[in-house]
Amino acid sequence: MTEGPTPRDPREEPGGQEPPQAPPPPPPSGAPDWSQPSGYQAQPPSYQPPQPPAGYQQQPPGYQPQQSSGLSENVASGLSYVVGFITGFIFFLIDKRPEVRFHAMQSIIFAVVAMLFGWIRLFTSGFLATLLWLVSVVFFFTWIFVMIQAFQGRHFKLPVIGDFAEQQAGGRAR
């Protein structure tokens, strides 16, 4: 063992305060600088952003991309059928892609026609009421089928309703 001065407790000294300590040494070079956010690298003042490759065309002034709902086209098309004319109307207003607008408009028209048949059925009786009930069952299965087709990304156009929906949605979707 080596003999030397025994360490003293700073609290035992007359002032009762610890002596000031030296600041910690700077990190060694090559070590990460923890004072900056992760992945952040300061750019020199002369930094220029990279230029697009040769042959790349910038969009003309005034160009605005088609607005979408942020969903893929088939998901937005399928969701436009889920709650009939309500979701169809929402997607028709917020999504400007032709295929989504077509399915949204077809959903709106299909739901309105189905509701009209349902209301007429309420005020009828006998054979006509039974016939309209069968039509309602066909509407239900058609609604399921068209919704599945839209979720799969297929352009399924209902007779008469589909042509009108295409016209209202702004032309041929595909």
N, C-alpha and C. Protein backbone atom coordinates (compact mmCIF):
# COMPACT_ATOMS: atom_id res chain seq x y z
N MET A 1 0.82 -1.17 0.00
CA MET A 1 0.00 0.00 0.00
C MET A 1 0.87 1.24 0.00
N THR A 2 0.35 2.22 -0.62
CA THR A 2 1.09 3.47 -0.65
C THR A 2 0.50 4.39 0.39
N GLU A 3 1.38 5.11 0.96
CA GLU A 3 0.90 6.07 1.94
C GLU A 3 0.85 7.43 1.31
N GLY A 4 -0.10 8.16 1.65
CA GLY A 4 -0.25 9.48 1.11
C GLY A 4 -1.28 10.22 1.91
N PRO A 5 -1.61 11.40 1.46
CA PRO A 5 -2.61 12.14 2.22
C PRO A 5 -3.94 11.41 2.16
N THR A 6 -4.62 11.39 3.25
CA THR A 6 -5.94 10.75 3.29
C THR A 6 -6.95 11.70 2.67
N PRO A 7 -7.85 11.16 1.91
CA PRO A 7 -8.86 12.03 1.30
C PRO A 7 -9.73 12.64 2.37
N ARG A 8 -10.09 13.90 2.15
CA ARG A 8 -10.94 14.58 3.11
C ARG A 8 -12.30 14.81 2.50
N ASP A 9 -13.23 14.80 3.35
CA ASP A 9 -14.60 15.07 2.91
C ASP A 9 -14.75 16.58 2.83
N PRO A 10 -15.17 17.13 1.65
CA PRO A 10 -15.27 18.58 1.51
C PRO A 10 -16.27 19.20 2.48
N ARG A 11 -17.19 18.42 2.96
CA ARG A 11 -18.19 18.97 3.88
C ARG A 11 -17.59 19.24 5.26
N GLU A 12 -16.45 18.63 5.49
CA GLU A 12 -15.82 18.85 6.79
C GLU A 12 -15.00 20.13 6.82
N GLU A 13 -14.80 20.75 5.68
CA GLU A 13 -14.00 21.97 5.62
C GLU A 13 -14.81 23.13 6.20
N PRO A 14 -14.13 24.22 6.51
CA PRO A 14 -14.80 25.33 7.18
C PRO A 14 -15.98 25.90 6.40
N GLY A 15 -15.98 26.02 5.08
CA GLY A 15 -17.09 26.61 4.33
C GLY A 15 -18.24 25.62 4.14
N GLY A 16 -17.99 24.36 4.23
CA GLY A 16 -19.01 23.34 4.05
C GLY A 16 -19.45 23.18 2.61
N GLN A 17 -18.72 23.76 1.70
CA GLN A 17 -19.10 23.65 0.29
C GLN A 17 -18.05 22.85 -0.45
N GLU A 18 -18.50 22.24 -1.52
CA GLU A 18 -17.57 21.45 -2.33
C GLU A 18 -16.75 22.39 -3.19
N PRO A 19 -15.50 22.05 -3.42
CA PRO A 19 -14.69 22.90 -4.30
C PRO A 19 -15.22 22.83 -5.73
N PRO A 20 -15.08 23.89 -6.52
CA PRO A 20 -15.58 23.85 -7.91
C PRO A 20 -14.85 22.77 -8.70
N GLN A 21 -15.62 22.12 -9.57
CA GLN A 21 -15.04 21.06 -10.39
C GLN A 21 -14.81 21.58 -11.79
N ALA A 22 -13.86 20.98 -12.46
CA ALA A 22 -13.54 21.37 -13.84
C ALA A 22 -14.64 20.86 -14.76
N PRO A 23 -14.94 21.57 -15.88
CA PRO A 23 -15.97 21.10 -16.81
C PRO A 23 -15.53 19.78 -17.44
N PRO A 24 -16.50 18.96 -17.88
CA PRO A 24 -16.14 17.67 -18.47
C PRO A 24 -15.36 17.89 -19.76
N PRO A 25 -14.50 16.97 -20.09
CA PRO A 25 -13.70 17.13 -21.31
C PRO A 25 -14.59 17.00 -22.54
N PRO A 26 -14.22 17.62 -23.67
CA PRO A 26 -15.02 17.50 -24.89
C PRO A 26 -14.97 16.07 -25.41
N PRO A 27 -16.00 15.65 -26.17
CA PRO A 27 -16.00 14.28 -26.69
C PRO A 27 -14.85 14.10 -27.68
N PRO A 28 -14.33 12.89 -27.75
CA PRO A 28 -13.24 12.65 -28.71
C PRO A 28 -13.74 12.84 -30.13
N SER A 29 -12.82 13.21 -31.02
CA SER A 29 -13.22 13.41 -32.42
C SER A 29 -13.73 12.10 -32.99
N GLY A 30 -14.72 12.18 -33.86
CA GLY A 30 -15.33 10.98 -34.45
C GLY A 30 -16.51 10.47 -33.63
N ALA A 31 -16.67 10.97 -32.41
CA ALA A 31 -17.80 10.56 -31.58
C ALA A 31 -19.01 11.38 -31.99
N PRO A 32 -20.20 10.83 -31.81
CA PRO A 32 -21.40 11.58 -32.20
C PRO A 32 -21.59 12.82 -31.34
N ASP A 33 -22.11 13.85 -31.96
CA ASP A 33 -22.39 15.09 -31.26
C ASP A 33 -23.83 15.01 -30.75
N TRP A 34 -24.00 14.80 -29.47
CA TRP A 34 -25.33 14.57 -28.91
C TRP A 34 -26.09 15.88 -28.70
N SER A 35 -25.49 16.99 -29.01
CA SER A 35 -26.19 18.25 -28.84
C SER A 35 -27.13 18.53 -30.02
N GLN A 36 -27.03 17.75 -31.12
CA GLN A 36 -27.89 17.93 -32.29
C GLN A 36 -28.86 16.75 -32.38
N PRO A 37 -30.04 16.94 -32.99
CA PRO A 37 -30.98 15.84 -33.16
C PRO A 37 -30.35 14.72 -33.98
N SER A 38 -30.88 13.52 -33.79
CA SER A 38 -30.36 12.35 -34.49
C SER A 38 -30.47 12.53 -36.00
N GLY A 39 -29.43 12.19 -36.71
CA GLY A 39 -29.43 12.26 -38.16
C GLY A 39 -29.21 13.65 -38.71
N TYR A 40 -29.06 14.64 -37.85
CA TYR A 40 -28.90 16.02 -38.30
C TYR A 40 -27.43 16.29 -38.59
N GLN A 41 -27.19 16.84 -39.75
CA GLN A 41 -25.83 17.25 -40.09
C GLN A 41 -25.91 18.69 -40.57
N ALA A 42 -25.17 19.53 -39.92
CA ALA A 42 -25.18 20.93 -40.32
C ALA A 42 -24.53 21.06 -41.70
N GLN A 43 -25.16 21.83 -42.57
CA GLN A 43 -24.63 22.03 -43.91
C GLN A 43 -23.77 23.29 -43.91
N PRO A 44 -22.69 23.26 -44.66
CA PRO A 44 -21.88 24.49 -44.75
C PRO A 44 -22.70 25.60 -45.39
N PRO A 45 -22.36 26.86 -45.15
CA PRO A 45 -23.14 27.98 -45.69
C PRO A 45 -23.24 27.95 -47.21
N SER A 46 -22.31 27.34 -47.89
CA SER A 46 -22.33 27.33 -49.35
C SER A 46 -23.10 26.14 -49.91
N TYR A 47 -23.88 25.44 -49.08
CA TYR A 47 -24.60 24.25 -49.53
C TYR A 47 -25.65 24.60 -50.58
N GLN A 48 -25.68 23.84 -51.65
CA GLN A 48 -26.70 23.97 -52.69
C GLN A 48 -27.45 22.64 -52.78
N PRO A 49 -28.77 22.67 -52.80
CA PRO A 49 -29.50 21.41 -52.92
C PRO A 49 -29.16 20.73 -54.24
N PRO A 50 -29.28 19.40 -54.29
CA PRO A 50 -28.93 18.70 -55.53
C PRO A 50 -29.87 19.10 -56.67
N GLN A 51 -29.34 19.11 -57.87
CA GLN A 51 -30.12 19.46 -59.06
C GLN A 51 -30.76 18.21 -59.63
N PRO A 52 -31.94 18.33 -60.25
CA PRO A 52 -32.57 17.15 -60.85
C PRO A 52 -31.70 16.62 -62.00
N PRO A 53 -31.80 15.33 -62.28
CA PRO A 53 -30.99 14.75 -63.35
C PRO A 53 -31.36 15.33 -64.71
N ALA A 54 -30.44 15.19 -65.67
CA ALA A 54 -30.68 15.69 -67.02
C ALA A 54 -31.89 14.98 -67.62
N GLY A 55 -32.71 15.69 -68.31
CA GLY A 55 -33.90 15.12 -68.94
C GLY A 55 -35.13 15.18 -68.04
N TYR A 56 -34.96 15.54 -66.79
CA TYR A 56 -36.08 15.65 -65.87
C TYR A 56 -36.85 16.92 -66.17
N GLN A 57 -38.16 16.79 -66.32
CA GLN A 57 -38.97 17.97 -66.63
C GLN A 57 -39.72 18.40 -65.38
N GLN A 58 -39.59 19.64 -65.05
CA GLN A 58 -40.35 20.17 -63.94
C GLN A 58 -41.77 20.43 -64.42
N GLN A 59 -42.71 20.46 -63.47
CA GLN A 59 -44.11 20.70 -63.82
C GLN A 59 -44.29 22.14 -64.28
N PRO A 60 -45.15 22.36 -65.26
CA PRO A 60 -45.36 23.74 -65.73
C PRO A 60 -45.98 24.59 -64.63
N PRO A 61 -45.80 25.90 -64.72
CA PRO A 61 -46.39 26.78 -63.71
C PRO A 61 -47.91 26.61 -63.69
N GLY A 62 -48.48 26.62 -62.51
CA GLY A 62 -49.92 26.48 -62.38
C GLY A 62 -50.39 25.04 -62.33
N TYR A 63 -49.48 24.08 -62.49
CA TYR A 63 -49.87 22.67 -62.46
C TYR A 63 -50.22 22.28 -61.03
N GLN A 64 -51.33 21.61 -60.88
CA GLN A 64 -51.71 21.09 -59.58
C GLN A 64 -52.01 19.62 -59.74
N PRO A 65 -51.37 18.76 -58.95
CA PRO A 65 -51.66 17.34 -59.07
C PRO A 65 -53.09 17.05 -58.65
N GLN A 66 -53.60 15.90 -59.10
CA GLN A 66 -54.95 15.53 -58.72
C GLN A 66 -55.01 15.35 -57.21
N GLN A 67 -56.04 15.90 -56.63
CA GLN A 67 -56.19 15.77 -55.19
C GLN A 67 -56.79 14.41 -54.89
N SER A 68 -56.29 13.80 -53.85
CA SER A 68 -56.83 12.51 -53.47
C SER A 68 -57.07 12.48 -51.98
N SER A 69 -57.69 11.40 -51.54
CA SER A 69 -58.02 11.23 -50.14
C SER A 69 -56.85 10.69 -49.34
N GLY A 70 -55.75 10.37 -50.01
CA GLY A 70 -54.60 9.80 -49.33
C GLY A 70 -54.65 8.29 -49.29
N LEU A 71 -55.72 7.70 -49.77
CA LEU A 71 -55.86 6.24 -49.82
C LEU A 71 -55.52 5.77 -51.23
N SER A 72 -55.22 4.49 -51.36
CA SER A 72 -55.00 3.97 -52.70
C SER A 72 -56.33 4.01 -53.46
N GLU A 73 -56.23 3.99 -54.77
CA GLU A 73 -57.42 4.17 -55.60
C GLU A 73 -58.47 3.10 -55.35
N ASN A 74 -58.06 1.83 -55.22
CA ASN A 74 -59.05 0.77 -55.03
C ASN A 74 -59.69 0.84 -53.64
N VAL A 75 -58.94 1.23 -52.62
CA VAL A 75 -59.52 1.34 -51.28
C VAL A 75 -60.52 2.50 -51.24
N ALA A 76 -60.17 3.63 -51.81
CA ALA A 76 -61.08 4.77 -51.83
C ALA A 76 -62.34 4.43 -52.64
N SER A 77 -62.17 3.71 -53.76
CA SER A 77 -63.32 3.31 -54.57
C SER A 77 -64.24 2.38 -53.80
N GLY A 78 -63.66 1.41 -53.11
CA GLY A 78 -64.47 0.46 -52.34
C GLY A 78 -65.16 1.11 -51.16
N LEU A 79 -64.45 1.99 -50.48
CA LEU A 79 -65.06 2.67 -49.32
C LEU A 79 -66.20 3.59 -49.72
N SER A 80 -66.21 4.03 -50.96
CA SER A 80 -67.30 4.91 -51.38
C SER A 80 -68.65 4.18 -51.41
N TYR A 81 -68.64 2.85 -51.38
CA TYR A 81 -69.89 2.07 -51.36
C TYR A 81 -70.34 1.70 -49.95
N VAL A 82 -69.49 1.80 -48.96
CA VAL A 82 -69.76 1.22 -47.65
C VAL A 82 -71.04 1.74 -47.01
N VAL A 83 -71.24 3.03 -46.96
CA VAL A 83 -72.46 3.58 -46.34
C VAL A 83 -73.31 4.27 -47.40
N GLY A 84 -73.34 3.68 -48.56
CA GLY A 84 -74.21 4.17 -49.63
C GLY A 84 -73.87 5.57 -50.09
N PHE A 85 -74.91 6.40 -50.17
CA PHE A 85 -74.71 7.73 -50.75
C PHE A 85 -73.89 8.64 -49.85
N ILE A 86 -73.80 8.35 -48.55
CA ILE A 86 -73.04 9.22 -47.64
C ILE A 86 -71.55 9.15 -47.96
N THR A 87 -70.98 7.94 -47.94
CA THR A 87 -69.55 7.82 -48.26
C THR A 87 -69.29 8.12 -49.73
N GLY A 88 -70.24 7.79 -50.58
CA GLY A 88 -70.09 8.13 -51.99
C GLY A 88 -69.97 9.63 -52.19
N PHE A 89 -70.80 10.38 -51.49
CA PHE A 89 -70.77 11.84 -51.60
C PHE A 89 -69.46 12.39 -51.04
N ILE A 90 -68.99 11.84 -49.93
CA ILE A 90 -67.74 12.31 -49.33
C ILE A 90 -66.58 12.10 -50.30
N PHE A 91 -66.47 10.89 -50.84
CA PHE A 91 -65.35 10.61 -51.75
C PHE A 91 -65.49 11.36 -53.07
N PHE A 92 -66.72 11.63 -53.50
CA PHE A 92 -66.91 12.39 -54.73
C PHE A 92 -66.39 13.82 -54.55
N LEU A 93 -66.54 14.37 -53.35
CA LEU A 93 -66.09 15.74 -53.10
C LEU A 93 -64.59 15.85 -52.84
N ILE A 94 -64.00 14.89 -52.11
CA ILE A 94 -62.60 15.07 -51.70
C ILE A 94 -61.59 14.42 -52.63
N ASP A 95 -62.00 13.45 -53.43
CA ASP A 95 -61.03 12.73 -54.27
C ASP A 95 -61.31 13.06 -55.74
N LYS A 96 -60.30 13.56 -56.43
CA LYS A 96 -60.48 14.01 -57.81
C LYS A 96 -60.00 12.99 -58.85
N ARG A 97 -59.58 11.81 -58.41
CA ARG A 97 -59.16 10.80 -59.38
C ARG A 97 -60.38 10.26 -60.11
N PRO A 98 -60.31 10.11 -61.43
CA PRO A 98 -61.49 9.71 -62.21
C PRO A 98 -62.11 8.39 -61.77
N GLU A 99 -61.31 7.40 -61.46
CA GLU A 99 -61.86 6.09 -61.08
C GLU A 99 -62.61 6.18 -59.75
N VAL A 100 -62.08 6.90 -58.80
CA VAL A 100 -62.73 7.05 -57.50
C VAL A 100 -64.02 7.85 -57.66
N ARG A 101 -63.97 8.91 -58.47
CA ARG A 101 -65.19 9.71 -58.70
C ARG A 101 -66.28 8.88 -59.38
N PHE A 102 -65.88 8.00 -60.30
CA PHE A 102 -66.86 7.14 -60.96
C PHE A 102 -67.54 6.24 -59.93
N HIS A 103 -66.75 5.55 -59.12
CA HIS A 103 -67.35 4.64 -58.13
C HIS A 103 -68.17 5.40 -57.10
N ALA A 104 -67.71 6.58 -56.71
CA ALA A 104 -68.48 7.38 -55.75
C ALA A 104 -69.83 7.78 -56.34
N MET A 105 -69.84 8.23 -57.60
CA MET A 105 -71.10 8.62 -58.22
C MET A 105 -72.00 7.41 -58.45
N GLN A 106 -71.42 6.29 -58.84
CA GLN A 106 -72.23 5.07 -59.03
C GLN A 106 -72.82 4.64 -57.68
N SER A 107 -72.08 4.80 -56.60
CA SER A 107 -72.58 4.47 -55.27
C SER A 107 -73.75 5.37 -54.88
N ILE A 108 -73.62 6.65 -55.16
CA ILE A 108 -74.69 7.60 -54.83
C ILE A 108 -75.97 7.25 -55.58
N ILE A 109 -75.85 7.06 -56.88
CA ILE A 109 -77.04 6.78 -57.70
C ILE A 109 -77.65 5.44 -57.31
N PHE A 110 -76.81 4.42 -57.11
CA PHE A 110 -77.31 3.09 -56.74
C PHE A 110 -78.04 3.15 -55.41
N ALA A 111 -77.50 3.87 -54.43
CA ALA A 111 -78.14 3.96 -53.12
C ALA A 111 -79.47 4.70 -53.20
N VAL A 112 -79.54 5.74 -53.99
CA VAL A 112 -80.79 6.49 -54.13
C VAL A 112 -81.87 5.62 -54.79
N VAL A 113 -81.50 4.91 -55.84
CA VAL A 113 -82.46 4.02 -56.52
C VAL A 113 -82.92 2.92 -55.57
N ALA A 114 -82.01 2.33 -54.81
CA ALA A 114 -82.38 1.28 -53.86
C ALA A 114 -83.31 1.82 -52.78
N MET A 115 -83.05 3.04 -52.30
CA MET A 115 -83.94 3.63 -51.30
C MET A 115 -85.32 3.91 -51.87
N LEU A 116 -85.38 4.36 -53.13
CA LEU A 116 -86.69 4.60 -53.75
C LEU A 116 -87.51 3.31 -53.82
N PHE A 117 -86.86 2.21 -54.23
CA PHE A 117 -87.57 0.93 -54.27
C PHE A 117 -88.01 0.51 -52.87
N GLY A 118 -87.19 0.76 -51.87
CA GLY A 118 -87.56 0.43 -50.49
C GLY A 118 -88.75 1.24 -50.00
N TRP A 119 -88.79 2.51 -50.32
CA TRP A 119 -89.92 3.34 -49.91
C TRP A 119 -91.20 2.94 -50.63
N ILE A 120 -91.09 2.63 -51.91
CA ILE A 120 -92.28 2.19 -52.66
C ILE A 120 -92.81 0.90 -52.06
N ARG A 121 -91.91 0.00 -51.66
CA ARG A 121 -92.33 -1.28 -51.09
C ARG A 121 -93.11 -1.08 -49.80
N LEU A 122 -92.80 -0.02 -49.04
CA LEU A 122 -93.52 0.23 -47.78
C LEU A 122 -95.00 0.52 -48.02
N PHE A 123 -95.33 1.09 -49.17
CA PHE A 123 -96.72 1.50 -49.43
C PHE A 123 -97.48 0.53 -50.33
N THR A 124 -96.91 -0.65 -50.54
CA THR A 124 -97.59 -1.64 -51.38
C THR A 124 -97.88 -2.89 -50.55
N SER A 125 -98.74 -3.72 -51.09
CA SER A 125 -99.05 -4.99 -50.42
C SER A 125 -99.29 -6.06 -51.48
N GLY A 126 -99.37 -7.28 -51.02
CA GLY A 126 -99.66 -8.39 -51.92
C GLY A 126 -98.47 -8.77 -52.79
N PHE A 127 -98.82 -9.12 -54.04
CA PHE A 127 -97.81 -9.61 -54.98
C PHE A 127 -96.75 -8.55 -55.28
N LEU A 128 -97.16 -7.30 -55.42
CA LEU A 128 -96.21 -6.23 -55.74
C LEU A 128 -95.20 -6.04 -54.59
N ALA A 129 -95.66 -6.17 -53.35
CA ALA A 129 -94.76 -6.04 -52.21
C ALA A 129 -93.75 -7.18 -52.20
N THR A 130 -94.19 -8.39 -52.54
CA THR A 130 -93.29 -9.54 -52.60
C THR A 130 -92.26 -9.35 -53.71
N LEU A 131 -92.72 -8.87 -54.85
CA LEU A 131 -91.82 -8.62 -55.97
C LEU A 131 -90.78 -7.56 -55.61
N LEU A 132 -91.21 -6.49 -54.95
CA LEU A 132 -90.28 -5.44 -54.55
C LEU A 132 -89.32 -5.93 -53.46
N TRP A 133 -89.76 -6.87 -52.62
CA TRP A 133 -88.85 -7.46 -51.63
C TRP A 133 -87.75 -8.24 -52.34
N LEU A 134 -88.11 -8.99 -53.37
CA LEU A 134 -87.10 -9.72 -54.16
C LEU A 134 -86.13 -8.75 -54.84
N VAL A 135 -86.65 -7.63 -55.33
CA VAL A 135 -85.79 -6.62 -55.93
C VAL A 135 -84.82 -6.06 -54.89
N SER A 136 -85.29 -5.88 -53.65
CA SER A 136 -84.43 -5.39 -52.57
C SER A 136 -83.31 -6.38 -52.26
N VAL A 137 -83.62 -7.67 -52.31
CA VAL A 137 -82.60 -8.70 -52.08
C VAL A 137 -81.55 -8.65 -53.19
N VAL A 138 -82.00 -8.47 -54.43
CA VAL A 138 -81.08 -8.35 -55.56
C VAL A 138 -80.21 -7.10 -55.39
N PHE A 139 -80.81 -6.00 -54.96
CA PHE A 139 -80.04 -4.78 -54.71
C PHE A 139 -78.95 -5.03 -53.66
N PHE A 140 -79.30 -5.74 -52.59
CA PHE A 140 -78.33 -6.00 -51.53
C PHE A 140 -77.13 -6.79 -52.06
N PHE A 141 -77.39 -7.87 -52.78
CA PHE A 141 -76.28 -8.68 -53.30
C PHE A 141 -75.49 -7.94 -54.38
N THR A 142 -76.17 -7.12 -55.15
CA THR A 142 -75.47 -6.30 -56.15
C THR A 142 -74.56 -5.29 -55.46
N TRP A 143 -75.04 -4.68 -54.37
CA TRP A 143 -74.23 -3.74 -53.60
C TRP A 143 -72.96 -4.41 -53.08
N ILE A 144 -73.08 -5.62 -52.52
CA ILE A 144 -71.92 -6.37 -52.03
C ILE A 144 -70.96 -6.67 -53.19
N PHE A 145 -71.50 -7.13 -54.31
CA PHE A 145 -70.68 -7.49 -55.47
C PHE A 145 -69.92 -6.28 -56.01
N VAL A 146 -70.60 -5.15 -56.16
CA VAL A 146 -69.96 -3.95 -56.71
C VAL A 146 -68.90 -3.42 -55.75
N MET A 147 -69.17 -3.51 -54.46
CA MET A 147 -68.19 -3.06 -53.47
C MET A 147 -66.92 -3.93 -53.54
N ILE A 148 -67.08 -5.23 -53.67
CA ILE A 148 -65.93 -6.13 -53.79
C ILE A 148 -65.15 -5.82 -55.06
N GLN A 149 -65.86 -5.60 -56.16
CA GLN A 149 -65.18 -5.26 -57.42
C GLN A 149 -64.36 -3.99 -57.28
N ALA A 150 -64.90 -3.00 -56.61
CA ALA A 150 -64.18 -1.73 -56.43
C ALA A 150 -62.96 -1.92 -55.54
N PHE A 151 -63.09 -2.71 -54.46
CA PHE A 151 -61.94 -2.96 -53.59
C PHE A 151 -60.84 -3.72 -54.32
N GLN A 152 -61.21 -4.53 -55.31
CA GLN A 152 -60.22 -5.27 -56.09
C GLN A 152 -59.64 -4.43 -57.23
N GLY A 153 -60.09 -3.20 -57.37
CA GLY A 153 -59.54 -2.31 -58.38
C GLY A 153 -60.14 -2.51 -59.76
N ARG A 154 -61.26 -3.16 -59.85
CA ARG A 154 -61.91 -3.40 -61.15
C ARG A 154 -62.92 -2.30 -61.44
N HIS A 155 -63.03 -1.97 -62.69
CA HIS A 155 -63.99 -0.94 -63.14
C HIS A 155 -65.25 -1.66 -63.56
N PHE A 156 -66.13 -1.92 -62.61
CA PHE A 156 -67.39 -2.61 -62.91
C PHE A 156 -68.49 -1.56 -63.03
N LYS A 157 -69.11 -1.55 -64.19
CA LYS A 157 -70.12 -0.54 -64.47
C LYS A 157 -71.49 -1.21 -64.51
N LEU A 158 -72.39 -0.74 -63.64
CA LEU A 158 -73.76 -1.25 -63.63
C LEU A 158 -74.50 -0.76 -64.87
N PRO A 159 -75.44 -1.56 -65.40
CA PRO A 159 -76.22 -1.09 -66.55
C PRO A 159 -77.01 0.18 -66.19
N VAL A 160 -77.13 1.08 -67.09
CA VAL A 160 -77.85 2.35 -67.00
C VAL A 160 -77.23 3.26 -65.92
N ILE A 161 -77.17 2.79 -64.68
CA ILE A 161 -76.60 3.59 -63.59
C ILE A 161 -75.14 3.90 -63.87
N GLY A 162 -74.38 2.91 -64.34
CA GLY A 162 -72.96 3.09 -64.61
C GLY A 162 -72.69 4.12 -65.69
N ASP A 163 -73.50 4.10 -66.76
CA ASP A 163 -73.32 5.08 -67.83
C ASP A 163 -73.58 6.50 -67.32
N PHE A 164 -74.65 6.64 -66.55
CA PHE A 164 -74.98 7.96 -65.99
C PHE A 164 -73.89 8.41 -65.01
N ALA A 165 -73.39 7.48 -64.19
CA ALA A 165 -72.34 7.81 -63.22
C ALA A 165 -71.07 8.26 -63.94
N GLU A 166 -70.74 7.61 -65.05
CA GLU A 166 -69.55 7.99 -65.82
C GLU A 166 -69.68 9.40 -66.37
N GLN A 167 -70.87 9.74 -66.86
CA GLN A 167 -71.10 11.09 -67.38
C GLN A 167 -70.96 12.12 -66.26
N GLN A 168 -71.54 11.84 -65.11
CA GLN A 168 -71.52 12.79 -64.00
C GLN A 168 -70.13 12.92 -63.37
N ALA A 169 -69.35 11.84 -63.43
CA ALA A 169 -68.03 11.86 -62.82
C ALA A 169 -67.00 12.54 -63.72
N GLY A 170 -67.37 12.88 -64.90
CA GLY A 170 -66.46 13.61 -65.77
C GLY A 170 -65.79 12.78 -66.83
N GLY A 171 -66.49 11.84 -67.39
CA GLY A 171 -65.93 11.08 -68.50
C GLY A 171 -65.45 9.70 -68.10
N ARG A 172 -64.82 9.08 -69.07
CA ARG A 172 -64.35 7.69 -68.92
C ARG A 172 -63.27 7.63 -67.85
N ALA A 173 -63.45 6.75 -66.88
CA ALA A 173 -62.48 6.61 -65.80
C ALA A 173 -61.29 5.77 -66.22
N ARG A 174 -61.48 4.78 -67.03
CA ARG A 174 -60.35 3.94 -67.47
C ARG A 174 -60.37 3.74 -68.93
